[in-house]
Amino acid sequence: MREKKKLQKPIVSEKVKNKRRDSRRSFLKKAAYAAPALVTLGQLARPSGAYADGSTGPSGPPTDGWTV
């Protein structure tokens, strides 16, 4: 019978491993700093319903009969 050859992993130098790790780290740093800014910009682009109509809010307390 023929023996199956073992698949060998390609030899990756330490320099390449470090470069990949640094590249991942750099990407994660950029993503972590950019995410809050993107969320903020998204909220500015889609204002909530209370502010969307351009009104400044209620002119006084509600007049539904309740007293505090």
Protein backbone atom coordinates (compact mmCIF):
# COMPACT_ATOMS: atom_id res chain seq x y z
CA MET A 1 0.00 0.00 0.00
CA ARG A 2 1.00 3.53 -0.63
CA GLU A 3 1.59 5.64 2.41
CA LYS A 4 -0.20 8.94 2.56
CA LYS A 5 2.05 11.92 2.78
CA LYS A 6 1.49 14.12 5.76
CA LEU A 7 0.43 17.62 4.92
CA GLN A 8 3.02 19.98 6.24
CA LYS A 9 2.18 23.47 7.32
CA PRO A 10 4.11 26.10 5.45
CA ILE A 11 6.96 27.47 7.47
CA VAL A 12 6.18 31.03 8.50
CA SER A 13 8.99 33.15 9.80
CA GLU A 14 8.74 35.12 13.02
CA LYS A 15 8.98 38.32 11.00
CA VAL A 16 5.84 37.45 9.04
CA LYS A 17 4.00 36.41 12.22
CA ASN A 18 4.88 39.70 13.90
CA LYS A 19 3.81 41.66 10.84
CA ARG A 20 0.42 39.92 10.78
CA ARG A 21 -0.08 40.46 14.50
CA ASP A 22 0.85 44.14 14.22
CA SER A 23 -1.46 44.53 11.24
CA ARG A 24 -4.38 43.01 13.19
CA ARG A 25 -3.60 45.14 16.21
CA SER A 26 -3.49 48.28 14.08
CA PHE A 27 -6.85 47.43 12.49
CA LEU A 28 -8.47 46.79 15.87
CA LYS A 29 -7.13 50.08 17.27
CA LYS A 30 -8.52 52.01 14.32
CA ALA A 31 -11.87 50.25 14.56
CA ALA A 32 -12.11 50.89 18.30
CA TYR A 33 -11.51 54.60 17.85
CA ALA A 34 -13.74 54.96 14.79
CA ALA A 35 -16.79 53.06 16.08
CA PRO A 36 -18.02 55.71 18.57
CA ALA A 37 -17.63 58.44 15.96
CA LEU A 38 -19.62 56.43 13.43
CA VAL A 39 -22.39 55.79 15.94
CA THR A 40 -22.53 59.51 16.75
CA LEU A 41 -22.69 60.47 13.09
CA GLY A 42 -25.45 57.92 12.56
CA GLN A 43 -27.48 59.44 15.38
CA LEU A 44 -27.02 62.92 13.93
CA ALA A 45 -28.23 61.69 10.55
CA ARG A 46 -31.38 60.13 12.07
CA PRO A 47 -32.72 62.47 14.76
CA SER A 48 -35.35 61.16 17.12
CA GLY A 49 -39.02 61.96 16.53
CA ALA A 50 -39.10 64.61 19.28
CA TYR A 51 -36.61 66.78 17.46
CA ALA A 52 -37.52 65.90 13.91
CA ASP A 53 -40.56 68.21 13.68
CA GLY A 54 -38.53 71.31 14.54
CA SER A 55 -40.49 72.20 17.66
CA THR A 56 -38.71 73.37 20.76
CA GLY A 57 -40.71 71.18 23.11
CA PRO A 58 -43.74 71.67 25.31
CA SER A 59 -44.68 75.24 26.20
CA GLY A 60 -45.75 74.37 29.75
CA PRO A 61 -46.92 71.64 32.05
CA PRO A 62 -49.56 69.22 30.87
CA THR A 63 -53.18 70.17 31.54
CA ASP A 64 -54.64 66.74 32.17
CA GLY A 65 -55.92 67.45 35.69
CA TRP A 66 -53.08 65.92 37.65
CA THR A 67 -51.46 68.04 40.32
CA VAL A 68 -48.17 67.44 42.02
